[in-house]
Amino acid sequence: MRRLRAALIPSIVILAGLGVIALVGLWTGIHNLAPRTGLLDLFGVADPGTDSVAWKVQHGRPVNLLLLARGGAGGDNLNFTDTIMLVSLPPRSRRAVVISLPRFAGSRFPP
């Protein structure tokens, strides 16, 4: 039983450390994309509630929108989504937080 505890404690510490590193990396990436994003904006984006937009506005909750646009006549495929944007409208700050997500052609990422 002592051997199990001796092996379990370092594993838990390592996993917790990796979790902290992942969260800091995620926050840094989001903050680089949208510098005005606050920590509470992230919780608003991750809100799994199914409340209507009207309810959120009446109760002072942030409204989050996912905007998608299809390509035009000059594109490779008219049905590809070529613009993806996440918009968060926090009512207290009266400023929109907009994150533009790039779309890469195929499964290859740019160099």
PDB file of N, CA and C in Angstrom:
ATOM      1  N   MET A   1       0.825  -1.204   0.000  1.00  0.00           N
ATOM      2  CA  MET A   1       0.000   0.000   0.000  1.00  0.00           C
ATOM      3  C   MET A   1       0.867   1.265   0.000  1.00  0.00           C
ATOM      4  N   ARG A   2       2.000   1.228   0.703  1.00  0.00           N
ATOM      5  CA  ARG A   2       2.895   2.396   0.723  1.00  0.00           C
ATOM      6  C   ARG A   2       3.526   2.637  -0.633  1.00  0.00           C
ATOM      7  N   ARG A   3       3.838   1.558  -1.355  1.00  0.00           N
ATOM      8  CA  ARG A   3       4.419   1.714  -2.680  1.00  0.00           C
ATOM      9  C   ARG A   3       3.424   2.388  -3.625  1.00  0.00           C
ATOM     10  N   LEU A   4       2.160   2.001  -3.488  1.00  0.00           N
ATOM     11  CA  LEU A   4       1.132   2.606  -4.325  1.00  0.00           C
ATOM     12  C   LEU A   4       1.016   4.096  -4.048  1.00  0.00           C
ATOM     13  N   ARG A   5       1.007   4.481  -2.791  1.00  0.00           N
ATOM     14  CA  ARG A   5       0.946   5.903  -2.424  1.00  0.00           C
ATOM     15  C   ARG A   5       2.189   6.632  -2.889  1.00  0.00           C
ATOM     16  N   ALA A   6       3.339   5.992  -2.739  1.00  0.00           N
ATOM     17  CA  ALA A   6       4.588   6.627  -3.144  1.00  0.00           C
ATOM     18  C   ALA A   6       4.612   6.876  -4.650  1.00  0.00           C
ATOM     19  N   ALA A   7       3.981   6.011  -5.417  1.00  0.00           N
ATOM     20  CA  ALA A   7       3.925   6.204  -6.864  1.00  0.00           C
ATOM     21  C   ALA A   7       2.780   7.121  -7.269  1.00  0.00           C
ATOM     22  N   LEU A   8       1.708   7.139  -6.504  1.00  0.00           N
ATOM     23  CA  LEU A   8       0.525   7.915  -6.853  1.00  0.00           C
ATOM     24  C   LEU A   8       0.724   9.413  -6.625  1.00  0.00           C
ATOM     25  N   ILE A   9       1.365   9.795  -5.569  1.00  0.00           N
ATOM     26  CA  ILE A   9       1.531  11.221  -5.236  1.00  0.00           C
ATOM     27  C   ILE A   9       2.333  11.953  -6.310  1.00  0.00           C
ATOM     28  N   PRO A  10       3.498  11.445  -6.734  1.00  0.00           N
ATOM     29  CA  PRO A  10       4.212  12.161  -7.812  1.00  0.00           C
ATOM     30  C   PRO A  10       3.402  12.219  -9.120  1.00  0.00           C
ATOM     31  N   SER A  11       2.639  11.182  -9.414  1.00  0.00           N
ATOM     32  CA  SER A  11       1.817  11.184 -10.627  1.00  0.00           C
ATOM     33  C   SER A  11       0.761  12.283 -10.568  1.00  0.00           C
ATOM     34  N   ILE A  12       0.136  12.437  -9.413  1.00  0.00           N
ATOM     35  CA  ILE A  12      -0.877  13.486  -9.248  1.00  0.00           C
ATOM     36  C   ILE A  12      -0.249  14.865  -9.366  1.00  0.00           C
ATOM     37  N   VAL A  13       0.922  15.049  -8.789  1.00  0.00           N
ATOM     38  CA  VAL A  13       1.613  16.344  -8.859  1.00  0.00           C
ATOM     39  C   VAL A  13       1.989  16.661 -10.306  1.00  0.00           C
ATOM     40  N   ILE A  14       2.479  15.664 -11.030  1.00  0.00           N
ATOM     41  CA  ILE A  14       2.854  15.875 -12.433  1.00  0.00           C
ATOM     42  C   ILE A  14       1.619  16.213 -13.275  1.00  0.00           C
ATOM     43  N   LEU A  15       0.518  15.484 -13.086  1.00  0.00           N
ATOM     44  CA  LEU A  15      -0.707  15.767 -13.835  1.00  0.00           C
ATOM     45  C   LEU A  15      -1.251  17.156 -13.518  1.00  0.00           C
ATOM     46  N   ALA A  16      -1.202  17.553 -12.256  1.00  0.00           N
ATOM     47  CA  ALA A  16      -1.663  18.896 -11.886  1.00  0.00           C
ATOM     48  C   ALA A  16      -0.787  19.959 -12.544  1.00  0.00           C
ATOM     49  N   GLY A  17       0.514  19.734 -12.552  1.00  0.00           N
ATOM     50  CA  GLY A  17       1.436  20.680 -13.195  1.00  0.00           C
ATOM     51  C   GLY A  17       1.178  20.793 -14.688  1.00  0.00           C
ATOM     52  N   LEU A  18       0.956  19.658 -15.353  1.00  0.00           N
ATOM     53  CA  LEU A  18       0.642  19.682 -16.776  1.00  0.00           C
ATOM     54  C   LEU A  18      -0.685  20.386 -17.039  1.00  0.00           C
ATOM     55  N   GLY A  19      -1.656  20.208 -16.150  1.00  0.00           N
ATOM     56  CA  GLY A  19      -2.934  20.903 -16.286  1.00  0.00           C
ATOM     57  C   GLY A  19      -2.770  22.409 -16.185  1.00  0.00           C
ATOM     58  N   VAL A  20      -1.949  22.862 -15.241  1.00  0.00           N
ATOM     59  CA  VAL A  20      -1.701  24.299 -15.080  1.00  0.00           C
ATOM     60  C   VAL A  20      -1.003  24.846 -16.319  1.00  0.00           C
ATOM     61  N   ILE A  21      -0.020  24.109 -16.830  1.00  0.00           N
ATOM     62  CA  ILE A  21       0.691  24.554 -18.038  1.00  0.00           C
ATOM     63  C   ILE A  21      -0.278  24.646 -19.220  1.00  0.00           C
ATOM     64  N   ALA A  22      -1.173  23.674 -19.357  1.00  0.00           N
ATOM     65  CA  ALA A  22      -2.148  23.695 -20.451  1.00  0.00           C
ATOM     66  C   ALA A  22      -3.093  24.890 -20.318  1.00  0.00           C
ATOM     67  N   LEU A  23      -3.562  25.171 -19.104  1.00  0.00           N
ATOM     68  CA  LEU A  23      -4.469  26.307 -18.908  1.00  0.00           C
ATOM     69  C   LEU A  23      -3.780  27.637 -19.194  1.00  0.00           C
ATOM     70  N   VAL A  24      -2.532  27.772 -18.766  1.00  0.00           N
ATOM     71  CA  VAL A  24      -1.787  29.008 -19.033  1.00  0.00           C
ATOM     72  C   VAL A  24      -1.566  29.166 -20.537  1.00  0.00           C
ATOM     73  N   GLY A  25      -1.248  28.075 -21.225  1.00  0.00           N
ATOM     74  CA  GLY A  25      -1.078  28.135 -22.678  1.00  0.00           C
ATOM     75  C   GLY A  25      -2.363  28.506 -23.391  1.00  0.00           C
ATOM     76  N   LEU A  26      -3.484  27.933 -22.945  1.00  0.00           N
ATOM     77  CA  LEU A  26      -4.780  28.262 -23.530  1.00  0.00           C
ATOM     78  C   LEU A  26      -5.118  29.730 -23.322  1.00  0.00           C
ATOM     79  N   TRP A  27      -4.924  30.202 -22.092  1.00  0.00           N
ATOM     80  CA  TRP A  27      -5.222  31.598 -21.797  1.00  0.00           C
ATOM     81  C   TRP A  27      -4.329  32.535 -22.612  1.00  0.00           C
ATOM     82  N   THR A  28      -3.051  32.208 -22.735  1.00  0.00           N
ATOM     83  CA  THR A  28      -2.129  33.041 -23.508  1.00  0.00           C
ATOM     84  C   THR A  28      -2.550  33.087 -24.976  1.00  0.00           C
ATOM     85  N   GLY A  29      -2.929  31.948 -25.533  1.00  0.00           N
ATOM     86  CA  GLY A  29      -3.373  31.914 -26.918  1.00  0.00           C
ATOM     87  C   GLY A  29      -4.629  32.735 -27.149  1.00  0.00           C
ATOM     88  N   ILE A  30      -5.596  32.600 -26.255  1.00  0.00           N
ATOM     89  CA  ILE A  30      -6.843  33.367 -26.392  1.00  0.00           C
ATOM     90  C   ILE A  30      -6.577  34.849 -26.209  1.00  0.00           C
ATOM     91  N   HIS A  31      -5.738  35.189 -25.244  1.00  0.00           N
ATOM     92  CA  HIS A  31      -5.446  36.600 -24.982  1.00  0.00           C
ATOM     93  C   HIS A  31      -4.674  37.228 -26.145  1.00  0.00           C
ATOM     94  N   ASN A  32      -3.843  36.450 -26.828  1.00  0.00           N
ATOM     95  CA  ASN A  32      -3.137  36.969 -28.006  1.00  0.00           C
ATOM     96  C   ASN A  32      -4.104  37.206 -29.169  1.00  0.00           C
ATOM     97  N   LEU A  33      -5.126  36.359 -29.312  1.00  0.00           N
ATOM     98  CA  LEU A  33      -6.111  36.538 -30.372  1.00  0.00           C
ATOM     99  C   LEU A  33      -7.055  37.699 -30.088  1.00  0.00           C
ATOM    100  N   ALA A  34      -7.455  37.846 -28.822  1.00  0.00           N
ATOM    101  CA  ALA A  34      -8.410  38.895 -28.430  1.00  0.00           C
ATOM    102  C   ALA A  34      -7.938  39.515 -27.122  1.00  0.00           C
ATOM    103  N   PRO A  35      -7.085  40.545 -27.197  1.00  0.00           N
ATOM    104  CA  PRO A  35      -6.469  41.118 -25.990  1.00  0.00           C
ATOM    105  C   PRO A  35      -7.446  41.666 -24.953  1.00  0.00           C
ATOM    106  N   ARG A  36      -8.643  42.067 -25.383  1.00  0.00           N
ATOM    107  CA  ARG A  36      -9.601  42.613 -24.416  1.00  0.00           C
ATOM    108  C   ARG A  36     -10.424  41.537 -23.724  1.00  0.00           C
ATOM    109  N   THR A  37     -10.129  40.285 -23.982  1.00  0.00           N
ATOM    110  CA  THR A  37     -10.870  39.192 -23.372  1.00  0.00           C
ATOM    111  C   THR A  37     -10.508  39.090 -21.898  1.00  0.00           C
ATOM    112  N   GLY A  38     -11.526  39.032 -21.061  1.00  0.00           N
ATOM    113  CA  GLY A  38     -11.326  38.834 -19.635  1.00  0.00           C
ATOM    114  C   GLY A  38     -11.637  37.397 -19.255  1.00  0.00           C
ATOM    115  N   LEU A  39     -11.252  37.021 -18.056  1.00  0.00           N
ATOM    116  CA  LEU A  39     -11.468  35.654 -17.587  1.00  0.00           C
ATOM    117  C   LEU A  39     -12.961  35.322 -17.534  1.00  0.00           C
ATOM    118  N   LEU A  40     -13.800  36.276 -17.145  1.00  0.00           N
ATOM    119  CA  LEU A  40     -15.240  36.030 -17.092  1.00  0.00           C
ATOM    120  C   LEU A  40     -15.845  35.841 -18.479  1.00  0.00           C
ATOM    121  N   ASP A  41     -15.223  36.426 -19.504  1.00  0.00           N
ATOM    122  CA  ASP A  41     -15.693  36.212 -20.871  1.00  0.00           C
ATOM    123  C   ASP A  41     -15.557  34.746 -21.269  1.00  0.00           C
ATOM    124  N   LEU A  42     -14.506  34.099 -20.808  1.00  0.00           N
ATOM    125  CA  LEU A  42     -14.310  32.690 -21.130  1.00  0.00           C
ATOM    126  C   LEU A  42     -15.403  31.833 -20.517  1.00  0.00           C
ATOM    127  N   PHE A  43     -15.811  32.155 -19.297  1.00  0.00           N
ATOM    128  CA  PHE A  43     -16.886  31.395 -18.684  1.00  0.00           C
ATOM    129  C   PHE A  43     -18.201  31.642 -19.403  1.00  0.00           C
ATOM    130  N   GLY A  44     -18.395  32.853 -19.930  1.00  0.00           N
ATOM    131  CA  GLY A  44     -19.593  33.144 -20.705  1.00  0.00           C
ATOM    132  C   GLY A  44     -19.614  32.368 -22.006  1.00  0.00           C
ATOM    133  N   VAL A  45     -18.451  32.198 -22.634  1.00  0.00           N
ATOM    134  CA  VAL A  45     -18.375  31.442 -23.880  1.00  0.00           C
ATOM    135  C   VAL A  45     -18.649  29.971 -23.616  1.00  0.00           C
ATOM    136  N   ALA A  46     -18.209  29.459 -22.465  1.00  0.00           N
ATOM    137  CA  ALA A  46     -18.362  28.032 -22.160  1.00  0.00           C
ATOM    138  C   ALA A  46     -19.682  27.723 -21.465  1.00  0.00           C
ATOM    139  N   ASP A  47     -20.571  28.699 -21.348  1.00  0.00           N
ATOM    140  CA  ASP A  47     -21.844  28.500 -20.669  1.00  0.00           C
ATOM    141  C   ASP A  47     -22.712  27.516 -21.450  1.00  0.00           C
ATOM    142  N   PRO A  48     -23.023  26.352 -20.871  1.00  0.00           N
ATOM    143  CA  PRO A  48     -23.812  25.368 -21.611  1.00  0.00           C
ATOM    144  C   PRO A  48     -25.318  25.600 -21.538  1.00  0.00           C
ATOM    145  N   GLY A  49     -25.748  26.694 -20.926  1.00  0.00           N
ATOM    146  CA  GLY A  49     -27.175  26.949 -20.755  1.00  0.00           C
ATOM    147  C   GLY A  49     -27.902  27.104 -22.073  1.00  0.00           C
ATOM    148  N   THR A  50     -29.178  26.835 -22.054  1.00  0.00           N
ATOM    149  CA  THR A  50     -29.979  26.936 -23.272  1.00  0.00           C
ATOM    150  C   THR A  50     -30.922  28.134 -23.199  1.00  0.00           C
ATOM    151  N   ASP A  51     -30.559  29.134 -22.426  1.00  0.00           N
ATOM    152  CA  ASP A  51     -31.402  30.314 -22.273  1.00  0.00           C
ATOM    153  C   ASP A  51     -31.459  31.098 -23.575  1.00  0.00           C
ATOM    154  N   SER A  52     -32.554  31.782 -23.787  1.00  0.00           N
ATOM    155  CA  SER A  52     -32.713  32.568 -25.004  1.00  0.00           C
ATOM    156  C   SER A  52     -31.886  33.849 -24.912  1.00  0.00           C
ATOM    157  N   VAL A  53     -31.672  34.465 -26.062  1.00  0.00           N
ATOM    158  CA  VAL A  53     -30.935  35.722 -26.113  1.00  0.00           C
ATOM    159  C   VAL A  53     -31.687  36.798 -25.326  1.00  0.00           C
ATOM    160  N   ALA A  54     -33.011  36.831 -25.450  1.00  0.00           N
ATOM    161  CA  ALA A  54     -33.802  37.833 -24.725  1.00  0.00           C
ATOM    162  C   ALA A  54     -33.638  37.671 -23.215  1.00  0.00           C
ATOM    163  N   TRP A  55     -33.633  36.424 -22.726  1.00  0.00           N
ATOM    164  CA  TRP A  55     -33.466  36.189 -21.282  1.00  0.00           C
ATOM    165  C   TRP A  55     -32.098  36.660 -20.834  1.00  0.00           C
ATOM    166  N   LYS A  56     -31.076  36.369 -21.628  1.00  0.00           N
ATOM    167  CA  LYS A  56     -29.718  36.784 -21.264  1.00  0.00           C
ATOM    168  C   LYS A  56     -29.600  38.301 -21.225  1.00  0.00           C
ATOM    169  N   VAL A  57     -30.194  38.981 -22.179  1.00  0.00           N
ATOM    170  CA  VAL A  57     -30.127  40.439 -22.191  1.00  0.00           C
ATOM    171  C   VAL A  57     -30.857  41.014 -20.983  1.00  0.00           C
ATOM    172  N   GLN A  58     -32.039  40.484 -20.661  1.00  0.00           N
ATOM    173  CA  GLN A  58     -32.817  40.982 -19.526  1.00  0.00           C
ATOM    174  C   GLN A  58     -32.103  40.755 -18.197  1.00  0.00           C
ATOM    175  N   HIS A  59     -31.341  39.674 -18.087  1.00  0.00           N
ATOM    176  CA  HIS A  59     -30.676  39.334 -16.831  1.00  0.00           C
ATOM    177  C   HIS A  59     -29.203  39.729 -16.798  1.00  0.00           C
ATOM    178  N   GLY A  60     -28.757  40.492 -17.790  1.00  0.00           N
ATOM    179  CA  GLY A  60     -27.383  40.991 -17.775  1.00  0.00           C
ATOM    180  C   GLY A  60     -26.334  39.925 -18.017  1.00  0.00           C
ATOM    181  N   ARG A  61     -26.681  38.864 -18.728  1.00  0.00           N
ATOM    182  CA  ARG A  61     -25.731  37.787 -19.036  1.00  0.00           C
ATOM    183  C   ARG A  61     -25.096  38.045 -20.397  1.00  0.00           C
ATOM    184  N   PRO A  62     -23.856  37.587 -20.617  1.00  0.00           N
ATOM    185  CA  PRO A  62     -23.243  37.785 -21.924  1.00  0.00           C
ATOM    186  C   PRO A  62     -23.946  36.977 -23.016  1.00  0.00           C
ATOM    187  N   VAL A  63     -24.000  37.549 -24.195  1.00  0.00           N
ATOM    188  CA  VAL A  63     -24.582  36.876 -25.358  1.00  0.00           C
ATOM    189  C   VAL A  63     -23.420  36.465 -26.261  1.00  0.00           C
ATOM    190  N   ASN A  64     -23.378  35.188 -26.639  1.00  0.00           N
ATOM    191  CA  ASN A  64     -22.296  34.663 -27.465  1.00  0.00           C
ATOM    192  C   ASN A  64     -22.864  34.188 -28.796  1.00  0.00           C
ATOM    193  N   LEU A  65     -22.185  34.565 -29.868  1.00  0.00           N
ATOM    194  CA  LEU A  65     -22.642  34.230 -31.208  1.00  0.00           C
ATOM    195  C   LEU A  65     -21.503  33.592 -31.989  1.00  0.00           C
ATOM    196  N   LEU A  66     -21.817  32.577 -32.776  1.00  0.00           N
ATOM    197  CA  LEU A  66     -20.863  31.978 -33.699  1.00  0.00           C
ATOM    198  C   LEU A  66     -21.302  32.376 -35.100  1.00  0.00           C
ATOM    199  N   LEU A  67     -20.444  33.109 -35.793  1.00  0.00           N
ATOM    200  CA  LEU A  67     -20.757  33.593 -37.134  1.00  0.00           C
ATOM    201  C   LEU A  67     -19.998  32.761 -38.166  1.00  0.00           C
ATOM    202  N   LEU A  68     -20.709  32.228 -39.140  1.00  0.00           N
ATOM    203  CA  LEU A  68     -20.122  31.426 -40.209  1.00  0.00           C
ATOM    204  C   LEU A  68     -20.538  32.020 -41.544  1.00  0.00           C
ATOM    205  N   ALA A  69     -19.629  32.040 -42.514  1.00  0.00           N
ATOM    206  CA  ALA A  69     -19.954  32.551 -43.847  1.00  0.00           C
ATOM    207  C   ALA A  69     -19.393  31.610 -44.901  1.00  0.00           C
ATOM    208  N   ARG A  70     -20.178  31.385 -45.934  1.00  0.00           N
ATOM    209  CA  ARG A  70     -19.735  30.529 -47.037  1.00  0.00           C
ATOM    210  C   ARG A  70     -18.955  31.339 -48.061  1.00  0.00           C
ATOM    211  N   GLY A  71     -18.121  30.618 -48.824  1.00  0.00           N
ATOM    212  CA  GLY A  71     -17.319  31.248 -49.866  1.00  0.00           C
ATOM    213  C   GLY A  71     -18.176  31.730 -51.018  1.00  0.00           C
ATOM    214  N   GLY A  72     -17.626  32.633 -51.782  1.00  0.00           N
ATOM    215  CA  GLY A  72     -18.346  33.178 -52.920  1.00  0.00           C
ATOM    216  C   GLY A  72     -18.021  32.445 -54.208  1.00  0.00           C
ATOM    217  N   ALA A  73     -18.341  33.078 -55.322  1.00  0.00           N
ATOM    218  CA  ALA A  73     -18.191  32.445 -56.634  1.00  0.00           C
ATOM    219  C   ALA A  73     -16.728  32.198 -56.991  1.00  0.00           C
ATOM    220  N   GLY A  74     -15.790  32.924 -56.409  1.00  0.00           N
ATOM    221  CA  GLY A  74     -14.378  32.764 -56.761  1.00  0.00           C
ATOM    222  C   GLY A  74     -13.658  31.690 -55.977  1.00  0.00           C
ATOM    223  N   GLY A  75     -14.329  31.017 -55.063  1.00  0.00           N
ATOM    224  CA  GLY A  75     -13.678  30.030 -54.219  1.00  0.00           C
ATOM    225  C   GLY A  75     -13.612  28.656 -54.851  1.00  0.00           C
ATOM    226  N   ASP A  76     -12.883  27.744 -54.188  1.00  0.00           N
ATOM    227  CA  ASP A  76     -12.756  26.370 -54.662  1.00  0.00           C
ATOM    228  C   ASP A  76     -14.092  25.635 -54.595  1.00  0.00           C
ATOM    229  N   ASN A  77     -14.804  25.815 -53.492  1.00  0.00           N
ATOM    230  CA  ASN A  77     -16.081  25.135 -53.295  1.00  0.00           C
ATOM    231  C   ASN A  77     -17.048  26.134 -52.670  1.00  0.00           C
ATOM    232  N   LEU A  78     -18.178  26.325 -53.278  1.00  0.00           N
ATOM    233  CA  LEU A  78     -19.137  27.326 -52.804  1.00  0.00           C
ATOM    234  C   LEU A  78     -19.687  27.004 -51.423  1.00  0.00           C
ATOM    235  N   ASN A  79     -19.622  25.733 -51.001  1.00  0.00           N
ATOM    236  CA  ASN A  79     -20.206  25.344 -49.725  1.00  0.00           C
ATOM    237  C   ASN A  79     -19.210  25.317 -48.574  1.00  0.00           C
ATOM    238  N   PHE A  80     -17.948  25.670 -48.806  1.00  0.00           N
ATOM    239  CA  PHE A  80     -16.973  25.720 -47.718  1.00  0.00           C
ATOM    240  C   PHE A  80     -17.243  26.934 -46.836  1.00  0.00           C
ATOM    241  N   THR A  81     -17.110  26.760 -45.539  1.00  0.00           N
ATOM    242  CA  THR A  81     -17.185  27.887 -44.618  1.00  0.00           C
ATOM    243  C   THR A  81     -15.815  28.542 -44.613  1.00  0.00           C
ATOM    244  N   ASP A  82     -15.731  29.764 -45.133  1.00  0.00           N
ATOM    245  CA  ASP A  82     -14.423  30.398 -45.220  1.00  0.00           C
ATOM    246  C   ASP A  82     -14.200  31.459 -44.149  1.00  0.00           C
ATOM    247  N   THR A  83     -15.223  31.818 -43.394  1.00  0.00           N
ATOM    248  CA  THR A  83     -15.078  32.790 -42.314  1.00  0.00           C
ATOM    249  C   THR A  83     -15.762  32.237 -41.076  1.00  0.00           C
ATOM    250  N   ILE A  84     -15.001  32.176 -39.971  1.00  0.00           N
ATOM    251  CA  ILE A  84     -15.545  31.702 -38.700  1.00  0.00           C
ATOM    252  C   ILE A  84     -15.158  32.738 -37.635  1.00  0.00           C
ATOM    253  N   MET A  85     -16.160  33.306 -36.978  1.00  0.00           N
ATOM    254  CA  MET A  85     -15.899  34.301 -35.938  1.00  0.00           C
ATOM    255  C   MET A  85     -16.759  34.002 -34.721  1.00  0.00           C
ATOM    256  N   LEU A  86     -16.164  34.178 -33.549  1.00  0.00           N
ATOM    257  CA  LEU A  86     -16.875  34.045 -32.285  1.00  0.00           C
ATOM    258  C   LEU A  86     -17.015  35.447 -31.704  1.00  0.00           C
ATOM    259  N   VAL A  87     -18.249  35.840 -31.403  1.00  0.00           N
ATOM    260  CA  VAL A  87     -18.523  37.176 -30.865  1.00  0.00           C
ATOM    261  C   VAL A  87     -19.163  37.014 -29.502  1.00  0.00           C
ATOM    262  N   SER A  88     -18.600  37.689 -28.507  1.00  0.00           N
ATOM    263  CA  SER A  88     -19.164  37.703 -27.169  1.00  0.00           C
ATOM    264  C   SER A  88     -19.532  39.139 -26.832  1.00  0.00           C
ATOM    265  N   LEU A  89     -20.765  39.337 -26.367  1.00  0.00           N
ATOM    266  CA  LEU A  89     -21.261  40.670 -26.027  1.00  0.00           C
ATOM    267  C   LEU A  89     -21.534  40.744 -24.532  1.00  0.00           C
ATOM    268  N   PRO A  90     -20.498  41.090 -23.729  1.00  0.00           N
ATOM    269  CA  PRO A  90     -20.728  41.225 -22.297  1.00  0.00           C
ATOM    270  C   PRO A  90     -21.468  42.525 -22.007  1.00  0.00           C
ATOM    271  N   PRO A  91     -22.588  42.475 -21.279  1.00  0.00           N
ATOM    272  CA  PRO A  91     -23.420  43.668 -21.107  1.00  0.00           C
ATOM    273  C   PRO A  91     -22.781  44.746 -20.232  1.00  0.00           C
ATOM    274  N   ARG A  92     -21.981  44.373 -19.275  1.00  0.00           N
ATOM    275  CA  ARG A  92     -21.434  45.371 -18.346  1.00  0.00           C
ATOM    276  C   ARG A  92     -20.375  46.255 -18.992  1.00  0.00           C
ATOM    277  N   SER A  93     -19.518  45.692 -19.822  1.00  0.00           N
ATOM    278  CA  SER A  93     -18.436  46.476 -20.412  1.00  0.00           C
ATOM    279  C   SER A  93     -18.888  47.227 -21.657  1.00  0.00           C
ATOM    280  N   ARG A  94     -19.995  46.806 -22.263  1.00  0.00           N
ATOM    281  CA  ARG A  94     -20.518  47.418 -23.475  1.00  0.00           C
ATOM    282  C   ARG A  94     -19.504  47.402 -24.616  1.00  0.00           C
ATOM    283  N   ARG A  95     -18.651  46.381 -24.642  1.00  0.00           N
ATOM    284  CA  ARG A  95     -17.672  46.200 -25.716  1.00  0.00           C
ATOM    285  C   ARG A  95     -17.766  44.777 -26.213  1.00  0.00           C
ATOM    286  N   ALA A  96     -17.703  44.618 -27.488  1.00  0.00           N
ATOM    287  CA  ALA A  96     -17.758  43.280 -28.073  1.00  0.00           C
ATOM    288  C   ALA A  96     -16.368  42.650 -28.058  1.00  0.00           C
ATOM    289  N   VAL A  97     -16.323  41.364 -27.790  1.00  0.00           N
ATOM    290  CA  VAL A  97     -15.092  40.596 -27.906  1.00  0.00           C
ATOM    291  C   VAL A  97     -15.261  39.718 -29.146  1.00  0.00           C
ATOM    292  N   VAL A  98     -14.363  39.901 -30.118  1.00  0.00           N
ATOM    293  CA  VAL A  98     -14.466  39.178 -31.379  1.00  0.00           C
ATOM    294  C   VAL A  98     -13.196  38.353 -31.575  1.00  0.00           C
ATOM    295  N   ILE A  99     -13.385  37.058 -31.814  1.00  0.00           N
ATOM    296  CA  ILE A  99     -12.260  36.172 -32.102  1.00  0.00           C
ATOM    297  C   ILE A  99     -12.488  35.601 -33.491  1.00  0.00           C
ATOM    298  N   SER A 100     -11.534  35.833 -34.389  1.00  0.00           N
ATOM    299  CA  SER A 100     -11.606  35.312 -35.745  1.00  0.00           C
ATOM    300  C   SER A 100     -10.801  34.023 -35.799  1.00  0.00           C
ATOM    301  N   LEU A 101     -11.437  32.936 -36.232  1.00  0.00           N
ATOM    302  CA  LEU A 101     -10.773  31.644 -36.303  1.00  0.00           C
ATOM    303  C   LEU A 101     -10.401  31.359 -37.752  1.00  0.00           C
ATOM    304  N   PRO A 102      -9.125  31.103 -38.033  1.00  0.00           N
ATOM    305  CA  PRO A 102      -8.730  30.867 -39.420  1.00  0.00           C
ATOM    306  C   PRO A 102      -9.212  29.514 -39.930  1.00  0.00           C
ATOM    307  N   ARG A 103      -9.487  29.447 -41.199  1.00  0.00           N
ATOM    308  CA  ARG A 103      -9.841  28.185 -41.849  1.00  0.00           C
ATOM    309  C   ARG A 103      -8.698  27.821 -42.765  1.00  0.00           C
ATOM    310  N   PHE A 104      -8.175  26.618 -42.568  1.00  0.00           N
ATOM    311  CA  PHE A 104      -7.061  26.158 -43.369  1.00  0.00           C
ATOM    312  C   PHE A 104      -7.581  25.238 -44.470  1.00  0.00           C
ATOM    313  N   ALA A 105      -7.034  25.330 -45.650  1.00  0.00           N
ATOM    314  CA  ALA A 105      -7.438  24.485 -46.773  1.00  0.00           C
ATOM    315  C   ALA A 105      -6.999  23.053 -46.526  1.00  0.00           C
ATOM    316  N   GLY A 106      -7.934  22.151 -46.583  1.00  0.00           N
ATOM    317  CA  GLY A 106      -7.616  20.738 -46.385  1.00  0.00           C
ATOM    318  C   GLY A 106      -7.169  20.463 -44.957  1.00  0.00           C
ATOM    319  N   SER A 107      -6.337  19.462 -44.798  1.00  0.00           N
ATOM    320  CA  SER A 107      -5.858  19.114 -43.460  1.00  0.00           C
ATOM    321  C   SER A 107      -4.460  19.643 -43.204  1.00  0.00           C
ATOM    322  N   ARG A 108      -3.916  20.396 -44.160  1.00  0.00           N
ATOM    323  CA  ARG A 108      -2.565  20.911 -43.999  1.00  0.00           C
ATOM    324  C   ARG A 108      -2.609  22.282 -43.357  1.00  0.00           C
ATOM    325  N   PHE A 109      -1.723  22.524 -42.403  1.00  0.00           N
ATOM    326  CA  PHE A 109      -1.623  23.809 -41.760  1.00  0.00           C
ATOM    327  C   PHE A 109      -0.550  24.629 -42.471  1.00  0.00           C
ATOM    328  N   PRO A 110      -0.658  25.949 -42.429  1.00  0.00           N
ATOM    329  CA  PRO A 110       0.352  26.763 -43.103  1.00  0.00           C
ATOM    330  C   PRO A 110       1.716  26.616 -42.424  1.00  0.00           C
ATOM    331  N   PRO A 111       2.795  26.839 -43.148  1.00  0.00           N
ATOM    332  CA  PRO A 111       4.136  26.686 -42.562  1.00  0.00           C
ATOM    333  C   PRO A 111       4.425  27.712 -41.501  1.00  0.00           C
TER     334      PRO A 111
END
